[in-house]
Amino acid sequence: EPPPSVQTIADLVRWLAARDAAGTAVF
């Protein structure tokens, strides 16, 4: 459930990247 600021797929990927080390590396 991404926050309201996540409007595009790119925003979603950036949000996923910021959550943890795995996301940071993958994205």
PDB file of all heavy atoms in Angstrom:
ATOM      1  N   GLU A   1       0.868  -1.183   0.000  1.00  0.00           N
ATOM      2  CA  GLU A   1       0.000   0.000   0.000  1.00  0.00           C
ATOM      3  C   GLU A   1       0.901   1.228   0.000  1.00  0.00           C
ATOM      4  O   GLU A   1       1.253   1.746   1.064  1.00  0.00           O
ATOM      5  CB  GLU A   1      -0.934  -0.017   1.202  1.00  0.00           C
ATOM      6  CG  GLU A   1      -1.932  -1.142   1.110  1.00  0.00           C
ATOM      7  CD  GLU A   1      -3.249  -0.833   1.789  1.00  0.00           C
ATOM      8  OE1 GLU A   1      -3.626   0.343   1.893  1.00  0.00           O
ATOM      9  OE2 GLU A   1      -3.893  -1.795   2.199  1.00  0.00           O
ATOM     10  N   PRO A   2       1.288   1.670  -1.198  1.00  0.00           N
ATOM     11  CA  PRO A   2       2.185   2.823  -1.264  1.00  0.00           C
ATOM     12  C   PRO A   2       1.498   4.109  -0.797  1.00  0.00           C
ATOM     13  O   PRO A   2       0.261   4.208  -0.842  1.00  0.00           O
ATOM     14  CB  PRO A   2       2.559   2.908  -2.744  1.00  0.00           C
ATOM     15  CG  PRO A   2       1.539   2.122  -3.469  1.00  0.00           C
ATOM     16  CD  PRO A   2       0.949   1.147  -2.507  1.00  0.00           C
ATOM     17  N   PRO A   3       2.281   5.069  -0.365  1.00  0.00           N
ATOM     18  CA  PRO A   3       1.706   6.344   0.075  1.00  0.00           C
ATOM     19  C   PRO A   3       1.109   7.114  -1.108  1.00  0.00           C
ATOM     20  O   PRO A   3       1.428   6.827  -2.265  1.00  0.00           O
ATOM     21  CB  PRO A   3       2.906   7.085   0.669  1.00  0.00           C
ATOM     22  CG  PRO A   3       4.093   6.478   0.014  1.00  0.00           C
ATOM     23  CD  PRO A   3       3.741   5.053  -0.267  1.00  0.00           C
ATOM     24  N   PRO A   4       0.261   8.094  -0.827  1.00  0.00           N
ATOM     25  CA  PRO A   4      -0.381   8.874  -1.901  1.00  0.00           C
ATOM     26  C   PRO A   4       0.601   9.563  -2.846  1.00  0.00           C
ATOM     27  O   PRO A   4       0.260   9.847  -3.994  1.00  0.00           O
ATOM     28  CB  PRO A   4      -1.216   9.908  -1.145  1.00  0.00           C
ATOM     29  CG  PRO A   4      -1.437   9.324   0.205  1.00  0.00           C
ATOM     30  CD  PRO A   4      -0.225   8.478   0.496  1.00  0.00           C
ATOM     31  N   SER A   5       1.815   9.827  -2.387  1.00  0.00           N
ATOM     32  CA  SER A   5       2.808  10.491  -3.244  1.00  0.00           C
ATOM     33  C   SER A   5       3.280   9.596  -4.394  1.00  0.00           C
ATOM     34  O   SER A   5       3.856  10.082  -5.362  1.00  0.00           O
ATOM     35  CB  SER A   5       4.013  10.927  -2.412  1.00  0.00           C
ATOM     36  OG  SER A   5       4.623   9.793  -1.810  1.00  0.00           O
ATOM     37  N   VAL A   6       3.021   8.304  -4.315  1.00  0.00           N
ATOM     38  CA  VAL A   6       3.408   7.366  -5.368  1.00  0.00           C
ATOM     39  C   VAL A   6       2.317   7.393  -6.437  1.00  0.00           C
ATOM     40  O   VAL A   6       1.239   6.835  -6.254  1.00  0.00           O
ATOM     41  CB  VAL A   6       3.612   5.942  -4.801  1.00  0.00           C
ATOM     42  CG1 VAL A   6       3.843   4.949  -5.909  1.00  0.00           C
ATOM     43  CG2 VAL A   6       4.774   5.936  -3.811  1.00  0.00           C
ATOM     44  N   GLN A   7       2.624   8.071  -7.538  1.00  0.00           N
ATOM     45  CA  GLN A   7       1.641   8.266  -8.603  1.00  0.00           C
ATOM     46  C   GLN A   7       1.933   7.453  -9.871  1.00  0.00           C
ATOM     47  O   GLN A   7       1.017   7.113 -10.605  1.00  0.00           O
ATOM     48  CB  GLN A   7       1.576   9.753  -8.979  1.00  0.00           C
ATOM     49  CG  GLN A   7       1.116  10.639  -7.852  1.00  0.00           C
ATOM     50  CD  GLN A   7      -0.345  10.417  -7.531  1.00  0.00           C
ATOM     51  OE1 GLN A   7      -1.197  10.424  -8.417  1.00  0.00           O
ATOM     52  NE2 GLN A   7      -0.645  10.193  -6.266  1.00  0.00           N
ATOM     53  N   THR A   8       3.206   7.166 -10.134  1.00  0.00           N
ATOM     54  CA  THR A   8       3.602   6.461 -11.356  1.00  0.00           C
ATOM     55  C   THR A   8       4.348   5.184 -10.990  1.00  0.00           C
ATOM     56  O   THR A   8       4.746   4.986  -9.834  1.00  0.00           O
ATOM     57  CB  THR A   8       4.524   7.333 -12.224  1.00  0.00           C
ATOM     58  OG1 THR A   8       5.756   7.533 -11.520  1.00  0.00           O
ATOM     59  CG2 THR A   8       3.884   8.668 -12.580  1.00  0.00           C
ATOM     60  N   ILE A   9       4.576   4.360 -12.000  1.00  0.00           N
ATOM     61  CA  ILE A   9       5.368   3.152 -11.765  1.00  0.00           C
ATOM     62  C   ILE A   9       6.772   3.537 -11.306  1.00  0.00           C
ATOM     63  O   ILE A   9       7.326   2.913 -10.400  1.00  0.00           O
ATOM     64  CB  ILE A   9       5.405   2.263 -13.025  1.00  0.00           C
ATOM     65  CG1 ILE A   9       3.996   1.756 -13.352  1.00  0.00           C
ATOM     66  CG2 ILE A   9       6.364   1.091 -12.825  1.00  0.00           C
ATOM     67  CD1 ILE A   9       3.876   1.042 -14.694  1.00  0.00           C
ATOM     68  N   ALA A  10       7.354   4.578 -11.893  1.00  0.00           N
ATOM     69  CA  ALA A  10       8.685   5.034 -11.467  1.00  0.00           C
ATOM     70  C   ALA A  10       8.673   5.441  -9.995  1.00  0.00           C
ATOM     71  O   ALA A  10       9.594   5.105  -9.243  1.00  0.00           O
ATOM     72  CB  ALA A  10       9.165   6.188 -12.340  1.00  0.00           C
ATOM     73  N   ASP A  11       7.639   6.157  -9.566  1.00  0.00           N
ATOM     74  CA  ASP A  11       7.510   6.521  -8.147  1.00  0.00           C
ATOM     75  C   ASP A  11       7.451   5.264  -7.283  1.00  0.00           C
ATOM     76  O   ASP A  11       8.069   5.208  -6.219  1.00  0.00           O
ATOM     77  CB  ASP A  11       6.234   7.323  -7.892  1.00  0.00           C
ATOM     78  CG  ASP A  11       6.212   8.699  -8.527  1.00  0.00           C
ATOM     79  OD1 ASP A  11       7.285   9.232  -8.861  1.00  0.00           O
ATOM     80  OD2 ASP A  11       5.091   9.235  -8.680  1.00  0.00           O
ATOM     81  N   LEU A  12       6.693   4.279  -7.746  1.00  0.00           N
ATOM     82  CA  LEU A  12       6.573   3.023  -7.010  1.00  0.00           C
ATOM     83  C   LEU A  12       7.923   2.339  -6.864  1.00  0.00           C
ATOM     84  O   LEU A  12       8.299   1.897  -5.772  1.00  0.00           O
ATOM     85  CB  LEU A  12       5.581   2.096  -7.717  1.00  0.00           C
ATOM     86  CG  LEU A  12       5.427   0.706  -7.117  1.00  0.00           C
ATOM     87  CD1 LEU A  12       4.795   0.786  -5.729  1.00  0.00           C
ATOM     88  CD2 LEU A  12       4.601  -0.184  -8.045  1.00  0.00           C
ATOM     89  N   VAL A  13       8.671   2.273  -7.954  1.00  0.00           N
ATOM     90  CA  VAL A  13       9.983   1.618  -7.914  1.00  0.00           C
ATOM     91  C   VAL A  13      10.925   2.370  -6.981  1.00  0.00           C
ATOM     92  O   VAL A  13      11.648   1.762  -6.189  1.00  0.00           O
ATOM     93  CB  VAL A  13      10.567   1.486  -9.339  1.00  0.00           C
ATOM     94  CG1 VAL A  13      11.992   0.982  -9.304  1.00  0.00           C
ATOM     95  CG2 VAL A  13       9.688   0.563 -10.184  1.00  0.00           C
ATOM     96  N   ARG A  14      10.906   3.693  -7.029  1.00  0.00           N
ATOM     97  CA  ARG A  14      11.749   4.487  -6.111  1.00  0.00           C
ATOM     98  C   ARG A  14      11.339   4.243  -4.659  1.00  0.00           C
ATOM     99  O   ARG A  14      12.187   4.144  -3.774  1.00  0.00           O
ATOM    100  CB  ARG A  14      11.655   5.971  -6.453  1.00  0.00           C
ATOM    101  CG  ARG A  14      12.401   6.339  -7.700  1.00  0.00           C
ATOM    102  CD  ARG A  14      12.416   7.868  -7.896  1.00  0.00           C
ATOM    103  NE  ARG A  14      12.616   8.182  -9.285  1.00  0.00           N
ATOM    104  CZ  ARG A  14      11.658   8.472 -10.163  1.00  0.00           C
ATOM    105  NH1 ARG A  14      10.401   8.548  -9.771  1.00  0.00           N
ATOM    106  NH2 ARG A  14      11.934   8.717 -11.418  1.00  0.00           N
ATOM    107  N   TRP A  15      10.052   4.148  -4.415  1.00  0.00           N
ATOM    108  CA  TRP A  15       9.557   3.873  -3.069  1.00  0.00           C
ATOM    109  C   TRP A  15       9.999   2.486  -2.604  1.00  0.00           C
ATOM    110  O   TRP A  15      10.454   2.321  -1.476  1.00  0.00           O
ATOM    111  CB  TRP A  15       8.032   4.015  -3.047  1.00  0.00           C
ATOM    112  CG  TRP A  15       7.411   3.712  -1.730  1.00  0.00           C
ATOM    113  CD1 TRP A  15       7.441   4.491  -0.603  1.00  0.00           C
ATOM    114  CD2 TRP A  15       6.658   2.546  -1.396  1.00  0.00           C
ATOM    115  NE1 TRP A  15       6.740   3.869   0.405  1.00  0.00           N
ATOM    116  CE2 TRP A  15       6.255   2.670  -0.056  1.00  0.00           C
ATOM    117  CE3 TRP A  15       6.281   1.405  -2.099  1.00  0.00           C
ATOM    118  CZ2 TRP A  15       5.491   1.704   0.601  1.00  0.00           C
ATOM    119  CZ3 TRP A  15       5.520   0.445  -1.451  1.00  0.00           C
ATOM    120  CH2 TRP A  15       5.139   0.596  -0.121  1.00  0.00           C
ATOM    121  N   LEU A  16       9.899   1.486  -3.495  1.00  0.00           N
ATOM    122  CA  LEU A  16      10.373   0.139  -3.167  1.00  0.00           C
ATOM    123  C   LEU A  16      11.875   0.148  -2.872  1.00  0.00           C
ATOM    124  O   LEU A  16      12.345  -0.534  -1.966  1.00  0.00           O
ATOM    125  CB  LEU A  16      10.071  -0.831  -4.311  1.00  0.00           C
ATOM    126  CG  LEU A  16       8.592  -1.137  -4.567  1.00  0.00           C
ATOM    127  CD1 LEU A  16       8.435  -1.865  -5.896  1.00  0.00           C
ATOM    128  CD2 LEU A  16       7.995  -1.930  -3.425  1.00  0.00           C
ATOM    129  N   ALA A  17      12.629   0.934  -3.637  1.00  0.00           N
ATOM    130  CA  ALA A  17      14.080   1.018  -3.446  1.00  0.00           C
ATOM    131  C   ALA A  17      14.437   1.612  -2.092  1.00  0.00           C
ATOM    132  O   ALA A  17      15.445   1.229  -1.484  1.00  0.00           O
ATOM    133  CB  ALA A  17      14.707   1.852  -4.563  1.00  0.00           C
ATOM    134  N   ALA A  18      13.620   2.530  -1.613  1.00  0.00           N
ATOM    135  CA  ALA A  18      13.924   3.225  -0.359  1.00  0.00           C
ATOM    136  C   ALA A  18      13.555   2.414   0.886  1.00  0.00           C
ATOM    137  O   ALA A  18      13.970   2.765   1.990  1.00  0.00           O
ATOM    138  CB  ALA A  18      13.198   4.566  -0.327  1.00  0.00           C
ATOM    139  N   ARG A  19      12.829   1.318   0.714  1.00  0.00           N
ATOM    140  CA  ARG A  19      12.349   0.572   1.885  1.00  0.00           C
ATOM    141  C   ARG A  19      13.407  -0.269   2.569  1.00  0.00           C
ATOM    142  O   ARG A  19      13.372  -0.433   3.777  1.00  0.00           O
ATOM    143  CB  ARG A  19      11.192  -0.356   1.501  1.00  0.00           C
ATOM    144  CG  ARG A  19       9.955   0.350   1.091  1.00  0.00           C
ATOM    145  CD  ARG A  19       8.813  -0.605   0.851  1.00  0.00           C
ATOM    146  NE  ARG A  19       9.255  -1.752   0.074  1.00  0.00           N
ATOM    147  CZ  ARG A  19       8.635  -2.913   0.009  1.00  0.00           C
ATOM    148  NH1 ARG A  19       7.523  -3.090   0.681  1.00  0.00           N
ATOM    149  NH2 ARG A  19       9.085  -3.899  -0.727  1.00  0.00           N
ATOM    150  N   ASP A  20      14.327  -0.852   1.797  1.00  0.00           N
ATOM    151  CA  ASP A  20      15.320  -1.743   2.402  1.00  0.00           C
ATOM    152  C   ASP A  20      16.523  -1.919   1.480  1.00  0.00           C
ATOM    153  O   ASP A  20      16.519  -1.438   0.339  1.00  0.00           O
ATOM    154  CB  ASP A  20      14.709  -3.105   2.759  1.00  0.00           C
ATOM    155  CG  ASP A  20      14.080  -3.814   1.572  1.00  0.00           C
ATOM    156  OD1 ASP A  20      14.623  -3.741   0.463  1.00  0.00           O
ATOM    157  OD2 ASP A  20      13.032  -4.466   1.766  1.00  0.00           O
ATOM    158  N   ALA A  21      17.535  -2.599   1.981  1.00  0.00           N
ATOM    159  CA  ALA A  21      18.785  -2.772   1.224  1.00  0.00           C
ATOM    160  C   ALA A  21      18.569  -3.580  -0.051  1.00  0.00           C
ATOM    161  O   ALA A  21      19.187  -3.292  -1.085  1.00  0.00           O
ATOM    162  CB  ALA A  21      19.842  -3.440   2.096  1.00  0.00           C
ATOM    163  N   ALA A  22      17.709  -4.579  -0.010  1.00  0.00           N
ATOM    164  CA  ALA A  22      17.445  -5.384  -1.215  1.00  0.00           C
ATOM    165  C   ALA A  22      16.855  -4.504  -2.311  1.00  0.00           C
ATOM    166  O   ALA A  22      17.302  -4.542  -3.467  1.00  0.00           O
ATOM    167  CB  ALA A  22      16.511  -6.541  -0.892  1.00  0.00           C
ATOM    168  N   GLY A  23      15.857  -3.721  -1.970  1.00  0.00           N
ATOM    169  CA  GLY A  23      15.248  -2.814  -2.947  1.00  0.00           C
ATOM    170  C   GLY A  23      16.226  -1.790  -3.470  1.00  0.00           C
ATOM    171  O   GLY A  23      16.246  -1.484  -4.663  1.00  0.00           O
ATOM    172  N   THR A  24      17.059  -1.265  -2.581  1.00  0.00           N
ATOM    173  CA  THR A  24      18.071  -0.296  -3.000  1.00  0.00           C
ATOM    174  C   THR A  24      18.992  -0.897  -4.048  1.00  0.00           C
ATOM    175  O   THR A  24      19.280  -0.266  -5.072  1.00  0.00           O
ATOM    176  CB  THR A  24      18.896   0.188  -1.786  1.00  0.00           C
ATOM    177  OG1 THR A  24      18.015   0.812  -0.854  1.00  0.00           O
ATOM    178  CG2 THR A  24      19.980   1.162  -2.200  1.00  0.00           C
ATOM    179  N   ALA A  25      19.436  -2.117  -3.842  1.00  0.00           N
ATOM    180  CA  ALA A  25      20.342  -2.779  -4.788  1.00  0.00           C
ATOM    181  C   ALA A  25      19.640  -3.116  -6.095  1.00  0.00           C
ATOM    182  O   ALA A  25      20.160  -2.844  -7.183  1.00  0.00           O
ATOM    183  CB  ALA A  25      20.926  -4.040  -4.153  1.00  0.00           C
ATOM    184  N   VAL A  26      18.463  -3.711  -6.010  1.00  0.00           N
ATOM    185  CA  VAL A  26      17.751  -4.156  -7.215  1.00  0.00           C
ATOM    186  C   VAL A  26      17.323  -2.979  -8.081  1.00  0.00           C
ATOM    187  O   VAL A  26      17.427  -3.032  -9.312  1.00  0.00           O
ATOM    188  CB  VAL A  26      16.525  -5.016  -6.832  1.00  0.00           C
ATOM    189  CG1 VAL A  26      15.628  -5.270  -8.025  1.00  0.00           C
ATOM    190  CG2 VAL A  26      16.974  -6.327  -6.226  1.00  0.00           C
ATOM    191  N   PHE A  27      16.849  -1.917  -7.472  1.00  0.00           N
ATOM    192  CA  PHE A  27      16.290  -0.800  -8.227  1.00  0.00           C
ATOM    193  C   PHE A  27      17.240   0.398  -8.316  1.00  0.00           C
ATOM    194  O   PHE A  27      16.794   1.523  -8.533  1.00  0.00           O
ATOM    195  CB  PHE A  27      14.947  -0.392  -7.625  1.00  0.00           C
ATOM    196  CG  PHE A  27      13.933  -1.504  -7.642  1.00  0.00           C
ATOM    197  CD1 PHE A  27      13.385  -1.986  -6.469  1.00  0.00           C
ATOM    198  CD2 PHE A  27      13.544  -2.085  -8.833  1.00  0.00           C
ATOM    199  CE1 PHE A  27      12.448  -3.006  -6.481  1.00  0.00           C
ATOM    200  CE2 PHE A  27      12.614  -3.116  -8.864  1.00  0.00           C
ATOM    201  CZ  PHE A  27      12.066  -3.575  -7.683  1.00  0.00           C
TER     202      PHE A  27
END
